[in-house]
N, C-alpha and C. Protein backbone atom coordinates (compact mmCIF):
# COMPACT_ATOMS: atom_id res chain seq x y z
N UNK A 1 -17.48 -20.47 6.47
CA UNK A 1 -16.20 -20.77 5.83
C UNK A 1 -15.89 -19.66 4.81
N UNK A 2 -14.66 -19.24 4.76
CA UNK A 2 -14.23 -18.21 3.80
C UNK A 2 -14.15 -18.83 2.41
N UNK A 3 -14.67 -18.10 1.45
CA UNK A 3 -14.59 -18.52 0.04
C UNK A 3 -13.25 -18.12 -0.51
N UNK A 4 -12.28 -19.01 -0.51
CA UNK A 4 -10.90 -18.72 -0.94
C UNK A 4 -10.82 -18.41 -2.43
N UNK A 5 -11.80 -18.76 -3.22
CA UNK A 5 -11.74 -18.51 -4.66
C UNK A 5 -11.91 -17.04 -5.01
N UNK A 6 -12.39 -16.23 -4.05
CA UNK A 6 -12.60 -14.81 -4.34
C UNK A 6 -11.33 -13.98 -4.20
N UNK A 7 -10.25 -14.58 -3.72
CA UNK A 7 -8.99 -13.85 -3.52
C UNK A 7 -8.10 -13.98 -4.75
N UNK A 8 -7.47 -12.88 -5.13
CA UNK A 8 -6.57 -12.86 -6.28
C UNK A 8 -5.17 -13.26 -5.79
N UNK A 9 -4.80 -14.49 -6.01
CA UNK A 9 -3.52 -15.00 -5.53
C UNK A 9 -2.34 -14.38 -6.25
N UNK A 10 -2.58 -13.71 -7.38
CA UNK A 10 -1.50 -13.03 -8.11
C UNK A 10 -0.94 -11.87 -7.27
N UNK A 11 -1.72 -11.38 -6.29
CA UNK A 11 -1.23 -10.29 -5.44
C UNK A 11 -0.46 -10.80 -4.24
N UNK A 12 -0.46 -12.11 -4.00
CA UNK A 12 0.24 -12.67 -2.87
C UNK A 12 1.77 -12.61 -3.11
N UNK A 13 2.51 -12.33 -2.05
CA UNK A 13 3.97 -12.32 -2.17
C UNK A 13 4.57 -12.97 -0.93
N UNK A 14 5.67 -13.65 -1.15
CA UNK A 14 6.40 -14.24 -0.04
C UNK A 14 7.78 -13.60 0.10
N UNK A 15 7.98 -12.49 -0.63
CA UNK A 15 9.26 -11.81 -0.61
C UNK A 15 9.39 -10.89 0.59
N UNK A 16 10.54 -10.91 1.28
CA UNK A 16 10.73 -9.98 2.39
C UNK A 16 10.86 -8.54 1.86
N UNK A 17 10.61 -7.57 2.75
CA UNK A 17 10.64 -6.17 2.34
C UNK A 17 11.30 -5.33 3.41
N UNK A 18 12.13 -4.39 2.97
CA UNK A 18 12.70 -3.38 3.85
C UNK A 18 13.08 -2.17 3.00
N UNK A 19 12.87 -0.99 3.54
CA UNK A 19 13.29 0.25 2.86
C UNK A 19 13.88 1.16 3.91
N UNK A 20 15.10 1.60 3.70
CA UNK A 20 15.77 2.52 4.64
C UNK A 20 15.59 3.94 4.12
N UNK A 21 15.11 4.81 5.01
CA UNK A 21 14.90 6.23 4.67
C UNK A 21 15.79 7.05 5.61
N UNK A 22 16.78 7.69 5.05
CA UNK A 22 17.68 8.53 5.84
C UNK A 22 16.95 9.76 6.33
N UNK A 23 17.22 10.14 7.57
CA UNK A 23 16.64 11.34 8.18
C UNK A 23 17.77 12.12 8.83
N UNK A 24 17.58 13.43 9.02
CA UNK A 24 18.66 14.21 9.66
C UNK A 24 18.91 13.81 11.13
N UNK A 25 17.97 13.13 11.74
CA UNK A 25 18.08 12.69 13.15
C UNK A 25 18.47 11.23 13.27
N UNK A 26 18.59 10.53 12.14
CA UNK A 26 18.91 9.10 12.16
C UNK A 26 18.35 8.46 10.89
N UNK A 27 17.50 7.46 11.02
CA UNK A 27 16.88 6.84 9.85
C UNK A 27 15.62 6.08 10.25
N UNK A 28 14.83 5.72 9.24
CA UNK A 28 13.66 4.88 9.40
C UNK A 28 13.87 3.60 8.59
N UNK A 29 13.41 2.49 9.11
CA UNK A 29 13.36 1.23 8.38
C UNK A 29 11.89 0.88 8.19
N UNK A 30 11.42 0.99 6.98
CA UNK A 30 10.01 0.65 6.67
C UNK A 30 9.97 -0.84 6.36
N UNK A 31 9.16 -1.55 7.10
CA UNK A 31 9.04 -3.00 6.86
C UNK A 31 7.65 -3.40 6.34
N UNK A 32 6.86 -2.38 6.00
CA UNK A 32 5.56 -2.61 5.33
C UNK A 32 5.63 -1.89 3.98
N UNK A 33 5.34 -2.60 2.90
CA UNK A 33 5.41 -1.96 1.56
C UNK A 33 4.41 -0.81 1.42
N UNK A 34 4.76 0.13 0.53
CA UNK A 34 3.87 1.25 0.21
C UNK A 34 2.53 0.71 -0.30
N UNK A 35 1.47 1.47 -0.08
CA UNK A 35 0.17 1.12 -0.60
C UNK A 35 -0.69 0.27 0.32
N UNK A 36 -0.16 -0.13 1.46
CA UNK A 36 -0.94 -0.90 2.43
C UNK A 36 -1.78 0.07 3.25
N UNK A 37 -2.85 -0.40 3.88
CA UNK A 37 -3.69 0.51 4.70
C UNK A 37 -3.09 0.80 6.08
N UNK A 38 -1.87 0.36 6.31
CA UNK A 38 -1.16 0.60 7.56
C UNK A 38 0.33 0.73 7.26
N UNK A 39 1.11 1.18 8.25
CA UNK A 39 2.55 1.31 8.08
C UNK A 39 3.23 0.75 9.31
N UNK A 40 4.40 0.14 9.11
CA UNK A 40 5.23 -0.32 10.21
C UNK A 40 6.66 0.12 9.93
N UNK A 41 7.30 0.69 10.92
CA UNK A 41 8.68 1.15 10.74
C UNK A 41 9.43 1.11 12.06
N UNK A 42 10.74 1.11 11.93
CA UNK A 42 11.64 1.30 13.08
C UNK A 42 12.25 2.68 12.92
N UNK A 43 12.16 3.47 13.99
CA UNK A 43 12.81 4.77 14.01
C UNK A 43 14.12 4.60 14.75
N UNK A 44 15.22 4.87 14.10
CA UNK A 44 16.52 4.90 14.80
C UNK A 44 16.86 6.36 14.99
N UNK A 45 16.90 6.81 16.26
CA UNK A 45 17.17 8.22 16.56
C UNK A 45 18.53 8.31 17.24
N UNK A 46 19.39 9.11 16.69
CA UNK A 46 20.71 9.30 17.26
C UNK A 46 20.64 10.09 18.57
N UNK A 47 21.55 9.77 19.51
CA UNK A 47 21.57 10.40 20.81
C UNK A 47 21.60 11.92 20.67
N UNK A 48 20.76 12.58 21.45
CA UNK A 48 20.70 14.04 21.45
C UNK A 48 19.88 14.64 20.34
N UNK A 49 19.38 13.83 19.42
CA UNK A 49 18.57 14.34 18.31
C UNK A 49 17.09 14.21 18.64
N UNK A 50 16.30 14.97 17.90
CA UNK A 50 14.86 14.89 18.11
C UNK A 50 14.14 15.07 16.80
N UNK A 51 12.96 14.48 16.72
CA UNK A 51 12.10 14.65 15.57
C UNK A 51 11.40 16.00 15.70
N UNK A 52 10.73 16.41 14.66
CA UNK A 52 10.00 17.68 14.74
C UNK A 52 8.87 17.55 15.73
N UNK A 53 8.48 18.70 16.30
CA UNK A 53 7.25 18.79 17.05
C UNK A 53 6.18 18.83 15.98
N UNK A 54 5.30 17.84 15.98
CA UNK A 54 4.42 17.64 14.83
C UNK A 54 3.02 17.26 15.26
N UNK A 55 2.12 17.40 14.27
CA UNK A 55 0.74 16.99 14.43
C UNK A 55 0.26 16.49 13.09
N UNK A 56 -0.54 15.40 13.09
CA UNK A 56 -1.06 14.81 11.88
C UNK A 56 -2.53 15.13 11.72
N UNK A 57 -2.96 15.37 10.47
CA UNK A 57 -4.37 15.66 10.20
C UNK A 57 -5.18 14.38 9.94
N UNK A 58 -4.50 13.29 9.61
CA UNK A 58 -5.22 12.03 9.30
C UNK A 58 -4.62 10.86 10.10
N UNK A 59 -3.31 10.79 10.14
CA UNK A 59 -2.60 9.62 10.64
C UNK A 59 -2.64 9.50 12.18
N UNK A 60 -2.69 8.26 12.66
CA UNK A 60 -2.51 7.93 14.08
C UNK A 60 -1.33 6.99 14.19
N UNK A 61 -0.59 7.09 15.32
CA UNK A 61 0.61 6.29 15.49
C UNK A 61 0.67 5.67 16.88
N UNK A 62 1.31 4.51 16.94
CA UNK A 62 1.62 3.89 18.24
C UNK A 62 3.08 3.50 18.23
N UNK A 63 3.71 3.54 19.42
CA UNK A 63 5.16 3.34 19.54
C UNK A 63 5.47 2.30 20.60
N UNK A 64 6.62 1.63 20.40
CA UNK A 64 7.15 0.64 21.33
C UNK A 64 8.65 0.82 21.34
N UNK A 65 9.22 1.13 22.51
CA UNK A 65 10.66 1.31 22.65
C UNK A 65 11.38 -0.04 22.62
N UNK A 66 12.24 -0.22 21.60
CA UNK A 66 13.01 -1.46 21.51
C UNK A 66 14.26 -1.42 22.40
N UNK A 67 15.02 -0.31 22.27
CA UNK A 67 16.22 -0.19 23.07
C UNK A 67 16.65 1.28 23.15
N UNK A 68 17.49 1.59 24.10
CA UNK A 68 17.95 2.95 24.32
C UNK A 68 16.99 3.71 25.21
N UNK A 69 17.24 5.02 25.31
CA UNK A 69 16.41 5.89 26.13
C UNK A 69 15.86 7.00 25.27
N UNK A 70 14.54 7.23 25.41
CA UNK A 70 13.89 8.23 24.60
C UNK A 70 12.79 8.91 25.42
N UNK A 71 12.69 10.24 25.27
CA UNK A 71 11.60 10.99 25.84
C UNK A 71 10.59 11.27 24.74
N UNK A 72 9.32 11.08 25.06
CA UNK A 72 8.23 11.35 24.14
C UNK A 72 7.45 12.53 24.69
N UNK A 73 7.45 13.62 23.94
CA UNK A 73 6.64 14.78 24.31
C UNK A 73 5.28 14.61 23.68
N UNK A 74 4.23 14.68 24.49
CA UNK A 74 2.88 14.47 23.99
C UNK A 74 1.96 15.55 24.61
N UNK A 75 1.03 15.99 23.79
CA UNK A 75 0.02 16.93 24.28
C UNK A 75 -1.04 16.14 25.10
N UNK A 76 -1.34 16.66 26.29
CA UNK A 76 -2.35 15.99 27.11
C UNK A 76 -3.75 16.56 26.82
N UNK A 77 -4.74 16.08 27.53
CA UNK A 77 -6.13 16.48 27.27
C UNK A 77 -6.42 17.94 27.63
N UNK A 78 -5.52 18.60 28.33
CA UNK A 78 -5.67 20.02 28.62
C UNK A 78 -4.90 20.91 27.64
N UNK A 79 -4.29 20.29 26.63
CA UNK A 79 -3.54 21.03 25.63
C UNK A 79 -2.12 21.39 26.06
N UNK A 80 -1.66 20.78 27.18
CA UNK A 80 -0.30 21.05 27.67
C UNK A 80 0.63 19.92 27.20
N UNK A 81 1.87 20.27 27.01
CA UNK A 81 2.87 19.27 26.59
C UNK A 81 3.44 18.58 27.84
N UNK A 82 3.47 17.26 27.79
CA UNK A 82 4.07 16.46 28.87
C UNK A 82 5.26 15.70 28.31
N UNK A 83 6.29 15.54 29.17
CA UNK A 83 7.46 14.73 28.80
C UNK A 83 7.28 13.37 29.43
N UNK A 84 7.21 12.34 28.61
CA UNK A 84 7.08 10.96 29.08
C UNK A 84 8.38 10.24 28.76
N UNK A 85 9.06 9.74 29.78
CA UNK A 85 10.25 8.92 29.54
C UNK A 85 9.75 7.55 29.17
N UNK A 86 9.95 7.17 27.90
CA UNK A 86 9.40 5.90 27.40
C UNK A 86 10.00 4.73 28.20
N UNK A 87 9.14 3.77 28.50
CA UNK A 87 9.56 2.57 29.22
C UNK A 87 9.45 1.37 28.29
N UNK A 88 10.40 0.48 28.40
CA UNK A 88 10.34 -0.76 27.63
C UNK A 88 9.16 -1.59 28.17
N UNK A 89 8.48 -2.27 27.25
CA UNK A 89 7.37 -3.10 27.64
C UNK A 89 6.03 -2.42 27.65
N UNK A 90 5.98 -1.12 27.23
CA UNK A 90 4.73 -0.39 27.19
C UNK A 90 4.56 0.27 25.81
N UNK A 91 3.31 0.41 25.40
CA UNK A 91 3.01 1.09 24.15
C UNK A 91 2.51 2.49 24.42
N UNK A 92 2.71 3.38 23.47
CA UNK A 92 2.30 4.79 23.54
C UNK A 92 1.60 5.11 22.24
N UNK A 93 0.49 5.84 22.33
CA UNK A 93 -0.29 6.16 21.13
C UNK A 93 -0.57 7.64 21.03
N UNK A 94 -0.38 8.21 19.83
CA UNK A 94 -0.81 9.58 19.58
C UNK A 94 -1.99 9.53 18.63
N UNK A 95 -2.92 10.42 18.87
CA UNK A 95 -4.14 10.47 18.09
C UNK A 95 -4.07 11.60 17.06
N UNK A 96 -4.90 11.53 16.06
CA UNK A 96 -4.99 12.60 15.07
C UNK A 96 -5.20 13.91 15.79
N UNK A 97 -4.41 14.93 15.44
CA UNK A 97 -4.55 16.24 16.05
C UNK A 97 -3.77 16.43 17.35
N UNK A 98 -3.08 15.40 17.82
CA UNK A 98 -2.31 15.47 19.08
C UNK A 98 -0.84 15.79 18.78
N UNK A 99 -0.34 16.87 19.32
CA UNK A 99 1.07 17.25 19.14
C UNK A 99 1.96 16.23 19.82
N UNK A 100 3.13 15.95 19.17
CA UNK A 100 4.06 15.00 19.75
C UNK A 100 5.45 15.17 19.16
N UNK A 101 6.44 14.65 19.88
CA UNK A 101 7.85 14.71 19.44
C UNK A 101 8.66 13.67 20.21
N UNK A 102 9.57 12.99 19.51
CA UNK A 102 10.52 12.08 20.16
C UNK A 102 11.85 12.82 20.34
N UNK A 103 12.49 12.61 21.51
CA UNK A 103 13.81 13.15 21.79
C UNK A 103 14.67 12.02 22.33
N UNK A 104 15.76 11.71 21.63
CA UNK A 104 16.62 10.61 22.05
C UNK A 104 17.58 11.06 23.13
N UNK A 105 17.57 10.35 24.25
CA UNK A 105 18.52 10.59 25.33
C UNK A 105 19.83 9.87 24.95
N UNK A 106 19.69 8.63 24.47
CA UNK A 106 20.81 7.86 23.95
C UNK A 106 20.38 7.42 22.54
N UNK A 107 21.26 6.79 21.78
CA UNK A 107 20.80 6.16 20.55
C UNK A 107 19.64 5.24 20.93
N UNK A 108 18.57 5.27 20.15
CA UNK A 108 17.43 4.43 20.47
C UNK A 108 16.73 3.95 19.22
N UNK A 109 15.98 2.88 19.37
CA UNK A 109 15.20 2.30 18.30
C UNK A 109 13.77 2.14 18.78
N UNK A 110 12.82 2.63 18.00
CA UNK A 110 11.41 2.61 18.35
C UNK A 110 10.63 1.97 17.22
N UNK A 111 9.77 1.02 17.56
CA UNK A 111 8.84 0.46 16.57
C UNK A 111 7.67 1.41 16.50
N UNK A 112 7.32 1.82 15.27
CA UNK A 112 6.15 2.66 15.05
C UNK A 112 5.20 1.93 14.13
N UNK A 113 3.96 1.81 14.53
CA UNK A 113 2.90 1.32 13.65
C UNK A 113 1.88 2.44 13.54
N UNK A 114 1.28 2.54 12.36
CA UNK A 114 0.34 3.65 12.15
C UNK A 114 -0.67 3.29 11.07
N UNK A 115 -1.64 4.18 10.96
CA UNK A 115 -2.50 4.12 9.80
C UNK A 115 -1.63 4.48 8.59
N UNK A 116 -2.19 4.39 7.42
CA UNK A 116 -1.41 4.62 6.19
C UNK A 116 -0.74 5.99 6.19
N UNK A 117 0.38 6.07 5.49
CA UNK A 117 1.11 7.33 5.31
C UNK A 117 0.26 8.23 4.42
N UNK A 118 -0.51 9.11 5.01
CA UNK A 118 -1.43 9.95 4.25
C UNK A 118 -1.59 11.28 4.93
N UNK A 119 -2.17 12.24 4.23
CA UNK A 119 -2.42 13.53 4.80
C UNK A 119 -1.18 14.36 4.99
N UNK A 120 -1.27 15.37 5.84
CA UNK A 120 -0.18 16.29 6.09
C UNK A 120 0.30 16.16 7.53
N UNK A 121 1.61 16.21 7.69
CA UNK A 121 2.22 16.34 9.01
C UNK A 121 2.67 17.78 9.15
N UNK A 122 2.04 18.53 10.04
CA UNK A 122 2.47 19.92 10.28
C UNK A 122 3.66 19.85 11.23
N UNK A 123 4.78 20.38 10.76
CA UNK A 123 5.98 20.46 11.60
C UNK A 123 5.96 21.82 12.30
N UNK A 124 5.52 21.81 13.55
CA UNK A 124 5.34 23.03 14.31
C UNK A 124 6.69 23.63 14.70
N UNK A 125 7.67 22.75 14.97
CA UNK A 125 9.07 23.13 15.23
C UNK A 125 9.91 22.04 14.57
N UNK A 126 11.01 22.43 13.94
CA UNK A 126 11.89 21.43 13.31
C UNK A 126 13.32 21.93 13.36
N UNK A 127 14.18 21.16 14.03
CA UNK A 127 15.60 21.55 14.19
C UNK A 127 16.34 21.60 12.86
N UNK A 128 15.77 21.05 11.81
CA UNK A 128 16.48 20.93 10.53
C UNK A 128 15.86 21.81 9.46
N UNK A 129 14.90 22.67 9.83
CA UNK A 129 14.31 23.61 8.87
C UNK A 129 13.48 22.99 7.78
N UNK A 130 12.97 21.79 8.00
CA UNK A 130 12.17 21.12 6.97
C UNK A 130 10.76 21.69 6.91
N UNK A 131 10.17 21.70 5.73
CA UNK A 131 8.79 22.15 5.60
C UNK A 131 7.81 21.10 6.11
N UNK A 132 6.53 21.45 6.17
CA UNK A 132 5.51 20.47 6.52
C UNK A 132 5.60 19.28 5.56
N UNK A 133 5.24 18.12 6.04
CA UNK A 133 5.30 16.91 5.20
C UNK A 133 3.95 16.67 4.55
N UNK A 134 3.80 17.18 3.35
CA UNK A 134 2.63 16.92 2.52
C UNK A 134 2.87 15.62 1.78
N UNK A 135 1.86 15.06 1.12
CA UNK A 135 2.13 13.85 0.32
C UNK A 135 3.26 14.04 -0.69
N UNK A 136 3.32 15.22 -1.31
CA UNK A 136 4.38 15.51 -2.29
C UNK A 136 5.75 15.59 -1.62
N UNK A 137 5.81 16.30 -0.47
CA UNK A 137 7.07 16.44 0.24
C UNK A 137 7.55 15.10 0.79
N UNK A 138 6.62 14.25 1.20
CA UNK A 138 6.96 12.93 1.69
C UNK A 138 7.71 12.14 0.61
N UNK A 139 7.24 12.21 -0.63
CA UNK A 139 7.91 11.51 -1.73
C UNK A 139 9.31 12.06 -1.98
N UNK A 140 9.47 13.36 -1.86
CA UNK A 140 10.79 13.98 -2.04
C UNK A 140 11.74 13.50 -0.96
N UNK A 141 11.29 13.52 0.31
CA UNK A 141 12.14 13.13 1.44
C UNK A 141 12.51 11.64 1.38
N UNK A 142 11.71 10.85 0.74
CA UNK A 142 11.99 9.40 0.65
C UNK A 142 12.64 9.02 -0.67
N UNK A 143 13.01 10.04 -1.46
CA UNK A 143 13.71 9.78 -2.71
C UNK A 143 12.85 9.09 -3.75
N UNK A 144 11.56 9.31 -3.72
CA UNK A 144 10.64 8.65 -4.67
C UNK A 144 10.34 9.49 -5.88
N UNK A 145 10.93 10.69 -5.98
CA UNK A 145 10.72 11.54 -7.17
C UNK A 145 12.03 11.82 -7.84
């Protein structure tokens, strides 16, 4: 039996949470508060837009297509980039060190779950000229500074 007396109930919350983060390709809706050991968000990508070609040094991500059409570019085990047309009803996972990029065919919404927002995201290519996303840059892009 779990000893419930060891938990600090002062940290419990029943309040809903959402944070909208504007992006040049659309926006993110964060539904997990900062400081948790995981992250959950919805990526809304405008038709014809794409995220940076990126790689994470710490973070891992999984995706679920909610609606619309999206191509996911992912590096395969031979180091080659593959274009995967995301299908509804299936999950897709990128691992630490695996290059990836989302490209919206139509407006689309994708559920992303990941390990905590930590480390650096190297933006290998970026249509918007943004620098790599370091912890400091992440705060700037989210309006936290």
